[in-house]
mmCIF file of all heavy atoms, coordinates in Angstrom:
data_MODEL
# 
_entry.id   MODEL 
# 
loop_
_atom_site.group_PDB 
_atom_site.id 
_atom_site.type_symbol 
_atom_site.label_atom_id 
_atom_site.label_alt_id 
_atom_site.label_comp_id 
_atom_site.label_asym_id 
_atom_site.label_entity_id 
_atom_site.label_seq_id 
_atom_site.pdbx_PDB_ins_code 
_atom_site.Cartn_x 
_atom_site.Cartn_y 
_atom_site.Cartn_z 
_atom_site.occupancy 
_atom_site.B_iso_or_equiv 
_atom_site.pdbx_formal_charge 
_atom_site.auth_seq_id 
_atom_site.auth_comp_id 
_atom_site.auth_asym_id 
_atom_site.auth_atom_id 
_atom_site.pdbx_PDB_model_num 
ATOM 1   N N   . ALA A 1 1  ? 16.592 172.405 14.837 1.00 0.00 ? 1  ALA A N   1 
ATOM 2   C CA  . ALA A 1 1  ? 16.587 173.550 15.757 1.00 0.00 ? 1  ALA A CA  1 
ATOM 3   C C   . ALA A 1 1  ? 16.488 173.088 17.208 1.00 0.00 ? 1  ALA A C   1 
ATOM 4   O O   . ALA A 1 1  ? 17.226 173.569 18.081 1.00 0.00 ? 1  ALA A O   1 
ATOM 5   C CB  . ALA A 1 1  ? 15.429 174.495 15.411 1.00 0.00 ? 1  ALA A CB  1 
ATOM 6   N N   . VAL A 1 2  ? 15.602 172.134 17.480 1.00 0.00 ? 2  VAL A N   1 
ATOM 7   C CA  . VAL A 1 2  ? 15.436 171.619 18.846 1.00 0.00 ? 2  VAL A CA  1 
ATOM 8   C C   . VAL A 1 2  ? 16.701 170.907 19.311 1.00 0.00 ? 2  VAL A C   1 
ATOM 9   O O   . VAL A 1 2  ? 17.181 171.127 20.437 1.00 0.00 ? 2  VAL A O   1 
ATOM 10  C CB  . VAL A 1 2  ? 14.212 170.677 18.929 1.00 0.00 ? 2  VAL A CB  1 
ATOM 11  C CG1 . VAL A 1 2  ? 14.174 169.938 20.259 1.00 0.00 ? 2  VAL A CG1 1 
ATOM 12  C CG2 . VAL A 1 2  ? 12.926 171.450 18.709 1.00 0.00 ? 2  VAL A CG2 1 
ATOM 13  N N   . LEU A 1 3  ? 17.264 170.077 18.453 1.00 0.00 ? 3  LEU A N   1 
ATOM 14  C CA  . LEU A 1 3  ? 18.455 169.309 18.827 1.00 0.00 ? 3  LEU A CA  1 
ATOM 15  C C   . LEU A 1 3  ? 19.673 170.219 19.011 1.00 0.00 ? 3  LEU A C   1 
ATOM 16  O O   . LEU A 1 3  ? 20.483 169.994 19.915 1.00 0.00 ? 3  LEU A O   1 
ATOM 17  C CB  . LEU A 1 3  ? 18.744 168.237 17.787 1.00 0.00 ? 3  LEU A CB  1 
ATOM 18  C CG  . LEU A 1 3  ? 17.710 167.115 17.730 1.00 0.00 ? 3  LEU A CG  1 
ATOM 19  C CD1 . LEU A 1 3  ? 17.888 166.291 16.468 1.00 0.00 ? 3  LEU A CD1 1 
ATOM 20  C CD2 . LEU A 1 3  ? 17.773 166.264 18.979 1.00 0.00 ? 3  LEU A CD2 1 
ATOM 21  N N   . THR A 1 4  ? 19.788 171.242 18.188 1.00 0.00 ? 4  THR A N   1 
ATOM 22  C CA  . THR A 1 4  ? 20.888 172.203 18.341 1.00 0.00 ? 4  THR A CA  1 
ATOM 23  C C   . THR A 1 4  ? 20.754 172.945 19.666 1.00 0.00 ? 4  THR A C   1 
ATOM 24  O O   . THR A 1 4  ? 21.747 173.127 20.382 1.00 0.00 ? 4  THR A O   1 
ATOM 25  C CB  . THR A 1 4  ? 20.910 173.180 17.148 1.00 0.00 ? 4  THR A CB  1 
ATOM 26  O OG1 . THR A 1 4  ? 21.095 172.419 15.950 1.00 0.00 ? 4  THR A OG1 1 
ATOM 27  C CG2 . THR A 1 4  ? 22.012 174.197 17.276 1.00 0.00 ? 4  THR A CG2 1 
ATOM 28  N N   . ALA A 1 5  ? 19.525 173.338 20.005 1.00 0.00 ? 5  ALA A N   1 
ATOM 29  C CA  . ALA A 1 5  ? 19.290 173.999 21.287 1.00 0.00 ? 5  ALA A CA  1 
ATOM 30  C C   . ALA A 1 5  ? 19.559 173.053 22.456 1.00 0.00 ? 5  ALA A C   1 
ATOM 31  O O   . ALA A 1 5  ? 20.146 173.450 23.469 1.00 0.00 ? 5  ALA A O   1 
ATOM 32  C CB  . ALA A 1 5  ? 17.856 174.533 21.353 1.00 0.00 ? 5  ALA A CB  1 
ATOM 33  N N   . THR A 1 6  ? 19.166 171.794 22.316 1.00 0.00 ? 6  THR A N   1 
ATOM 34  C CA  . THR A 1 6  ? 19.405 170.799 23.363 1.00 0.00 ? 6  THR A CA  1 
ATOM 35  C C   . THR A 1 6  ? 20.901 170.601 23.584 1.00 0.00 ? 6  THR A C   1 
ATOM 36  O O   . THR A 1 6  ? 21.368 170.557 24.730 1.00 0.00 ? 6  THR A O   1 
ATOM 37  C CB  . THR A 1 6  ? 18.739 169.459 22.985 1.00 0.00 ? 6  THR A CB  1 
ATOM 38  O OG1 . THR A 1 6  ? 17.329 169.665 22.864 1.00 0.00 ? 6  THR A OG1 1 
ATOM 39  C CG2 . THR A 1 6  ? 19.020 168.384 24.015 1.00 0.00 ? 6  THR A CG2 1 
ATOM 40  N N   . ALA A 1 7  ? 21.648 170.491 22.493 1.00 0.00 ? 7  ALA A N   1 
ATOM 41  C CA  . ALA A 1 7  ? 23.102 170.324 22.596 1.00 0.00 ? 7  ALA A CA  1 
ATOM 42  C C   . ALA A 1 7  ? 23.729 171.553 23.247 1.00 0.00 ? 7  ALA A C   1 
ATOM 43  O O   . ALA A 1 7  ? 24.619 171.426 24.108 1.00 0.00 ? 7  ALA A O   1 
ATOM 44  C CB  . ALA A 1 7  ? 23.719 170.074 21.217 1.00 0.00 ? 7  ALA A CB  1 
ATOM 45  N N   . GLY A 1 8  ? 23.277 172.741 22.870 1.00 0.00 ? 8  GLY A N   1 
ATOM 46  C CA  . GLY A 1 8  ? 23.803 173.969 23.471 1.00 0.00 ? 8  GLY A CA  1 
ATOM 47  C C   . GLY A 1 8  ? 23.516 174.041 24.963 1.00 0.00 ? 8  GLY A C   1 
ATOM 48  O O   . GLY A 1 8  ? 24.387 174.414 25.760 1.00 0.00 ? 8  GLY A O   1 
ATOM 49  N N   . ALA A 1 9  ? 22.297 173.675 25.345 1.00 0.00 ? 9  ALA A N   1 
ATOM 50  C CA  . ALA A 1 9  ? 21.939 173.684 26.770 1.00 0.00 ? 9  ALA A CA  1 
ATOM 51  C C   . ALA A 1 9  ? 22.770 172.663 27.540 1.00 0.00 ? 9  ALA A C   1 
ATOM 52  O O   . ALA A 1 9  ? 23.192 172.925 28.677 1.00 0.00 ? 9  ALA A O   1 
ATOM 53  C CB  . ALA A 1 9  ? 20.446 173.394 26.933 1.00 0.00 ? 9  ALA A CB  1 
ATOM 54  N N   . ALA A 1 10 ? 23.027 171.511 26.942 1.00 0.00 ? 10 ALA A N   1 
ATOM 55  C CA  . ALA A 1 10 ? 23.848 170.497 27.609 1.00 0.00 ? 10 ALA A CA  1 
ATOM 56  C C   . ALA A 1 10 ? 25.284 170.990 27.776 1.00 0.00 ? 10 ALA A C   1 
ATOM 57  O O   . ALA A 1 10 ? 25.902 170.767 28.819 1.00 0.00 ? 10 ALA A O   1 
ATOM 58  C CB  . ALA A 1 10 ? 23.822 169.187 26.816 1.00 0.00 ? 10 ALA A CB  1 
ATOM 59  N N   . ARG A 1 11 ? 25.807 171.675 26.758 1.00 0.00 ? 11 ARG A N   1 
ATOM 60  C CA  . ARG A 1 11 ? 27.165 172.231 26.869 1.00 0.00 ? 11 ARG A CA  1 
ATOM 61  C C   . ARG A 1 11 ? 27.222 173.283 27.987 1.00 0.00 ? 11 ARG A C   1 
ATOM 62  O O   . ARG A 1 11 ? 28.184 173.323 28.750 1.00 0.00 ? 11 ARG A O   1 
ATOM 63  C CB  . ARG A 1 11 ? 27.605 172.841 25.542 1.00 0.00 ? 11 ARG A CB  1 
ATOM 64  C CG  . ARG A 1 11 ? 28.013 171.816 24.524 1.00 0.00 ? 11 ARG A CG  1 
ATOM 65  C CD  . ARG A 1 11 ? 28.567 172.458 23.241 1.00 0.00 ? 11 ARG A CD  1 
ATOM 66  N NE  . ARG A 1 11 ? 28.798 171.449 22.245 1.00 0.00 ? 11 ARG A NE  1 
ATOM 67  C CZ  . ARG A 1 11 ? 27.911 171.077 21.319 1.00 0.00 ? 11 ARG A CZ  1 
ATOM 68  N NH1 . ARG A 1 11 ? 26.740 171.675 21.249 1.00 0.00 ? 11 ARG A NH1 1 
ATOM 69  N NH2 . ARG A 1 11 ? 28.212 170.123 20.463 1.00 0.00 ? 11 ARG A NH2 1 
ATOM 70  N N   . GLU A 1 12 ? 26.201 174.121 28.057 1.00 0.00 ? 12 GLU A N   1 
ATOM 71  C CA  . GLU A 1 12 ? 26.147 175.123 29.125 1.00 0.00 ? 12 GLU A CA  1 
ATOM 72  C C   . GLU A 1 12 ? 26.053 174.458 30.494 1.00 0.00 ? 12 GLU A C   1 
ATOM 73  O O   . GLU A 1 12 ? 26.700 174.905 31.451 1.00 0.00 ? 12 GLU A O   1 
ATOM 74  C CB  . GLU A 1 12 ? 24.952 176.053 28.915 1.00 0.00 ? 12 GLU A CB  1 
ATOM 75  C CG  . GLU A 1 12 ? 25.126 177.026 27.770 1.00 0.00 ? 12 GLU A CG  1 
ATOM 76  C CD  . GLU A 1 12 ? 23.907 177.907 27.573 1.00 0.00 ? 12 GLU A CD  1 
ATOM 77  O OE1 . GLU A 1 12 ? 23.155 178.136 28.546 1.00 0.00 ? 12 GLU A OE1 1 
ATOM 78  O OE2 . GLU A 1 12 ? 23.708 178.365 26.442 1.00 0.00 ? 12 GLU A OE2 1 
ATOM 79  N N   . ALA A 1 13 ? 25.259 173.401 30.595 1.00 0.00 ? 13 ALA A N   1 
ATOM 80  C CA  . ALA A 1 13 ? 25.134 172.681 31.864 1.00 0.00 ? 13 ALA A CA  1 
ATOM 81  C C   . ALA A 1 13 ? 26.466 172.066 32.271 1.00 0.00 ? 13 ALA A C   1 
ATOM 82  O O   . ALA A 1 13 ? 26.844 172.111 33.447 1.00 0.00 ? 13 ALA A O   1 
ATOM 83  C CB  . ALA A 1 13 ? 24.053 171.602 31.758 1.00 0.00 ? 13 ALA A CB  1 
ATOM 84  N N   . LEU A 1 14 ? 27.184 171.511 31.294 1.00 0.00 ? 14 LEU A N   1 
ATOM 85  C CA  . LEU A 1 14 ? 28.504 170.951 31.596 1.00 0.00 ? 14 LEU A CA  1 
ATOM 86  C C   . LEU A 1 14 ? 29.464 172.029 32.088 1.00 0.00 ? 14 LEU A C   1 
ATOM 87  O O   . LEU A 1 14 ? 30.210 171.808 33.049 1.00 0.00 ? 14 LEU A O   1 
ATOM 88  C CB  . LEU A 1 14 ? 29.093 170.261 30.366 1.00 0.00 ? 14 LEU A CB  1 
ATOM 89  C CG  . LEU A 1 14 ? 28.645 168.839 30.127 1.00 0.00 ? 14 LEU A CG  1 
ATOM 90  C CD1 . LEU A 1 14 ? 29.133 168.339 28.779 1.00 0.00 ? 14 LEU A CD1 1 
ATOM 91  C CD2 . LEU A 1 14 ? 29.132 167.937 31.245 1.00 0.00 ? 14 LEU A CD2 1 
ATOM 92  N N   . ALA A 1 15 ? 29.434 173.178 31.444 1.00 0.00 ? 15 ALA A N   1 
ATOM 93  C CA  . ALA A 1 15 ? 30.296 174.283 31.887 1.00 0.00 ? 15 ALA A CA  1 
ATOM 94  C C   . ALA A 1 15 ? 29.920 174.709 33.295 1.00 0.00 ? 15 ALA A C   1 
ATOM 95  O O   . ALA A 1 15 ? 30.792 174.987 34.129 1.00 0.00 ? 15 ALA A O   1 
ATOM 96  C CB  . ALA A 1 15 ? 30.198 175.453 30.915 1.00 0.00 ? 15 ALA A CB  1 
ATOM 97  N N   . GLY A 1 16 ? 28.625 174.727 33.578 1.00 0.00 ? 16 GLY A N   1 
ATOM 98  C CA  . GLY A 1 16 ? 28.170 175.092 34.919 1.00 0.00 ? 16 GLY A CA  1 
ATOM 99  C C   . GLY A 1 16 ? 28.614 174.093 35.970 1.00 0.00 ? 16 GLY A C   1 
ATOM 100 O O   . GLY A 1 16 ? 29.030 174.478 37.072 1.00 0.00 ? 16 GLY A O   1 
ATOM 101 N N   . THR A 1 17 ? 28.571 172.823 35.644 1.00 0.00 ? 17 THR A N   1 
ATOM 102 C CA  . THR A 1 17 ? 29.013 171.825 36.618 1.00 0.00 ? 17 THR A CA  1 
ATOM 103 C C   . THR A 1 17 ? 30.518 171.920 36.836 1.00 0.00 ? 17 THR A C   1 
ATOM 104 O O   . THR A 1 17 ? 30.993 171.699 37.955 1.00 0.00 ? 17 THR A O   1 
ATOM 105 C CB  . THR A 1 17 ? 28.620 170.387 36.210 1.00 0.00 ? 17 THR A CB  1 
ATOM 106 O OG1 . THR A 1 17 ? 29.198 170.068 34.949 1.00 0.00 ? 17 THR A OG1 1 
ATOM 107 C CG2 . THR A 1 17 ? 27.115 170.225 36.154 1.00 0.00 ? 17 THR A CG2 1 
ATOM 108 N N   . ALA A 1 18 ? 31.257 172.265 35.792 1.00 0.00 ? 18 ALA A N   1 
ATOM 109 C CA  . ALA A 1 18 ? 32.711 172.443 35.953 1.00 0.00 ? 18 ALA A CA  1 
ATOM 110 C C   . ALA A 1 18 ? 32.988 173.613 36.896 1.00 0.00 ? 18 ALA A C   1 
ATOM 111 O O   . ALA A 1 18 ? 33.865 173.520 37.770 1.00 0.00 ? 18 ALA A O   1 
ATOM 112 C CB  . ALA A 1 18 ? 33.378 172.673 34.599 1.00 0.00 ? 18 ALA A CB  1 
ATOM 113 N N   . ARG A 1 19 ? 32.225 174.698 36.734 1.00 0.00 ? 19 ARG A N   1 
ATOM 114 C CA  . ARG A 1 19 ? 32.398 175.851 37.647 1.00 0.00 ? 19 ARG A CA  1 
ATOM 115 C C   . ARG A 1 19 ? 32.001 175.474 39.064 1.00 0.00 ? 19 ARG A C   1 
ATOM 116 O O   . ARG A 1 19 ? 32.693 175.825 40.018 1.00 0.00 ? 19 ARG A O   1 
ATOM 117 C CB  . ARG A 1 19 ? 31.559 177.039 37.164 1.00 0.00 ? 19 ARG A CB  1 
ATOM 118 C CG  . ARG A 1 19 ? 32.126 177.758 35.955 1.00 0.00 ? 19 ARG A CG  1 
ATOM 119 C CD  . ARG A 1 19 ? 31.376 179.041 35.660 1.00 0.00 ? 19 ARG A CD  1 
ATOM 120 N NE  . ARG A 1 19 ? 29.947 178.835 35.429 1.00 0.00 ? 19 ARG A NE  1 
ATOM 121 C CZ  . ARG A 1 19 ? 29.418 178.534 34.241 1.00 0.00 ? 19 ARG A CZ  1 
ATOM 122 N NH1 . ARG A 1 19 ? 30.187 178.401 33.173 1.00 0.00 ? 19 ARG A NH1 1 
ATOM 123 N NH2 . ARG A 1 19 ? 28.120 178.368 34.126 1.00 0.00 ? 19 ARG A NH2 1 
ATOM 124 N N   . ASP A 1 20 ? 30.895 174.744 39.204 1.00 0.00 ? 20 ASP A N   1 
ATOM 125 C CA  . ASP A 1 20 ? 30.440 174.323 40.534 1.00 0.00 ? 20 ASP A CA  1 
ATOM 126 C C   . ASP A 1 20 ? 31.473 173.427 41.197 1.00 0.00 ? 20 ASP A C   1 
ATOM 127 O O   . ASP A 1 20 ? 31.752 173.560 42.396 1.00 0.00 ? 20 ASP A O   1 
ATOM 128 C CB  . ASP A 1 20 ? 29.099 173.589 40.450 1.00 0.00 ? 20 ASP A CB  1 
ATOM 129 C CG  . ASP A 1 20 ? 27.947 174.495 40.066 1.00 0.00 ? 20 ASP A CG  1 
ATOM 130 O OD1 . ASP A 1 20 ? 28.116 175.731 40.102 1.00 0.00 ? 20 ASP A OD1 1 
ATOM 131 O OD2 . ASP A 1 20 ? 26.873 173.962 39.723 1.00 0.00 ? 20 ASP A OD2 1 
ATOM 132 N N   . HIS A 1 21 ? 32.033 172.517 40.433 1.00 0.00 ? 21 HIS A N   1 
ATOM 133 C CA  . HIS A 1 21 ? 33.031 171.611 40.983 1.00 0.00 ? 21 HIS A CA  1 
ATOM 134 C C   . HIS A 1 21 ? 34.292 172.384 41.410 1.00 0.00 ? 21 HIS A C   1 
ATOM 135 O O   . HIS A 1 21 ? 34.860 172.118 42.472 1.00 0.00 ? 21 HIS A O   1 
ATOM 136 C CB  . HIS A 1 21 ? 33.389 170.527 39.970 1.00 0.00 ? 21 HIS A CB  1 
ATOM 137 C CG  . HIS A 1 21 ? 34.231 169.445 40.544 1.00 0.00 ? 21 HIS A CG  1 
ATOM 138 N ND1 . HIS A 1 21 ? 33.758 168.549 41.468 1.00 0.00 ? 21 HIS A ND1 1 
ATOM 139 C CD2 . HIS A 1 21 ? 35.537 169.141 40.362 1.00 0.00 ? 21 HIS A CD2 1 
ATOM 140 C CE1 . HIS A 1 21 ? 34.718 167.725 41.815 1.00 0.00 ? 21 HIS A CE1 1 
ATOM 141 N NE2 . HIS A 1 21 ? 35.814 168.057 41.166 1.00 0.00 ? 21 HIS A NE2 1 
ATOM 142 N N   . ALA A 1 22 ? 34.698 173.346 40.593 1.00 0.00 ? 22 ALA A N   1 
ATOM 143 C CA  . ALA A 1 22 ? 35.860 174.168 40.957 1.00 0.00 ? 22 ALA A CA  1 
ATOM 144 C C   . ALA A 1 22 ? 35.575 174.959 42.228 1.00 0.00 ? 22 ALA A C   1 
ATOM 145 O O   . ALA A 1 22 ? 36.473 175.154 43.057 1.00 0.00 ? 22 ALA A O   1 
ATOM 146 C CB  . ALA A 1 22 ? 36.220 175.111 39.809 1.00 0.00 ? 22 ALA A CB  1 
ATOM 147 N N   . GLY A 1 23 ? 34.326 175.389 42.393 1.00 0.00 ? 23 GLY A N   1 
ATOM 148 C CA  . GLY A 1 23 ? 33.951 176.131 43.595 1.00 0.00 ? 23 GLY A CA  1 
ATOM 149 C C   . GLY A 1 23 ? 34.029 175.299 44.856 1.00 0.00 ? 23 GLY A C   1 
ATOM 150 O O   . GLY A 1 23 ? 34.233 175.835 45.951 1.00 0.00 ? 23 GLY A O   1 
ATOM 151 N N   . LEU A 1 24 ? 33.878 173.985 44.735 1.00 0.00 ? 24 LEU A N   1 
ATOM 152 C CA  . LEU A 1 24 ? 33.996 173.119 45.908 1.00 0.00 ? 24 LEU A CA  1 
ATOM 153 C C   . LEU A 1 24 ? 35.387 173.190 46.521 1.00 0.00 ? 24 LEU A C   1 
ATOM 154 O O   . LEU A 1 24 ? 35.549 173.074 47.734 1.00 0.00 ? 24 LEU A O   1 
ATOM 155 C CB  . LEU A 1 24 ? 33.685 171.663 45.539 1.00 0.00 ? 24 LEU A CB  1 
ATOM 156 C CG  . LEU A 1 24 ? 32.234 171.294 45.326 1.00 0.00 ? 24 LEU A CG  1 
ATOM 157 C CD1 . LEU A 1 24 ? 32.123 169.824 44.933 1.00 0.00 ? 24 LEU A CD1 1 
ATOM 158 C CD2 . LEU A 1 24 ? 31.397 171.579 46.551 1.00 0.00 ? 24 LEU A CD2 1 
ATOM 159 N N   . ALA A 1 25 ? 36.382 173.382 45.672 1.00 0.00 ? 25 ALA A N   1 
ATOM 160 C CA  . ALA A 1 25 ? 37.759 173.448 46.176 1.00 0.00 ? 25 ALA A CA  1 
ATOM 161 C C   . ALA A 1 25 ? 37.962 174.663 47.073 1.00 0.00 ? 25 ALA A C   1 
ATOM 162 O O   . ALA A 1 25 ? 38.829 174.654 47.944 1.00 0.00 ? 25 ALA A O   1 
ATOM 163 C CB  . ALA A 1 25 ? 38.738 173.484 45.009 1.00 0.00 ? 25 ALA A CB  1 
ATOM 164 N N   . ASP A 1 26 ? 37.153 175.693 46.867 1.00 0.00 ? 26 ASP A N   1 
ATOM 165 C CA  . ASP A 1 26 ? 37.280 176.910 47.663 1.00 0.00 ? 26 ASP A CA  1 
ATOM 166 C C   . ASP A 1 26 ? 36.552 176.814 48.998 1.00 0.00 ? 26 ASP A C   1 
ATOM 167 O O   . ASP A 1 26 ? 36.736 177.665 49.862 1.00 0.00 ? 26 ASP A O   1 
ATOM 168 C CB  . ASP A 1 26 ? 36.731 178.109 46.888 1.00 0.00 ? 26 ASP A CB  1 
ATOM 169 C CG  . ASP A 1 26 ? 37.524 178.383 45.623 1.00 0.00 ? 26 ASP A CG  1 
ATOM 170 O OD1 . ASP A 1 26 ? 38.717 178.022 45.584 1.00 0.00 ? 26 ASP A OD1 1 
ATOM 171 O OD2 . ASP A 1 26 ? 36.941 178.949 44.673 1.00 0.00 ? 26 ASP A OD2 1 
ATOM 172 N N   . ASP A 1 27 ? 35.685 175.787 49.151 1.00 0.00 ? 27 ASP A N   1 
ATOM 173 C CA  . ASP A 1 27 ? 34.922 175.641 50.391 1.00 0.00 ? 27 ASP A CA  1 
ATOM 174 C C   . ASP A 1 27 ? 35.842 175.283 51.550 1.00 0.00 ? 27 ASP A C   1 
ATOM 175 O O   . ASP A 1 27 ? 36.772 174.497 51.411 1.00 0.00 ? 27 ASP A O   1 
ATOM 176 C CB  . ASP A 1 27 ? 33.859 174.545 50.257 1.00 0.00 ? 27 ASP A CB  1 
ATOM 177 C CG  . ASP A 1 27 ? 32.666 175.003 49.440 1.00 0.00 ? 27 ASP A CG  1 
ATOM 178 O OD1 . ASP A 1 27 ? 32.605 176.192 49.097 1.00 0.00 ? 27 ASP A OD1 1 
ATOM 179 O OD2 . ASP A 1 27 ? 31.803 174.157 49.144 1.00 0.00 ? 27 ASP A OD2 1 
# 
């Protein structure tokens, strides 16, 4: 349960960094 949650949080963090990086192009 802990490892599944950790993997899910890491996937969400990766998606967030992809969005953040895409947002840099708009700056």
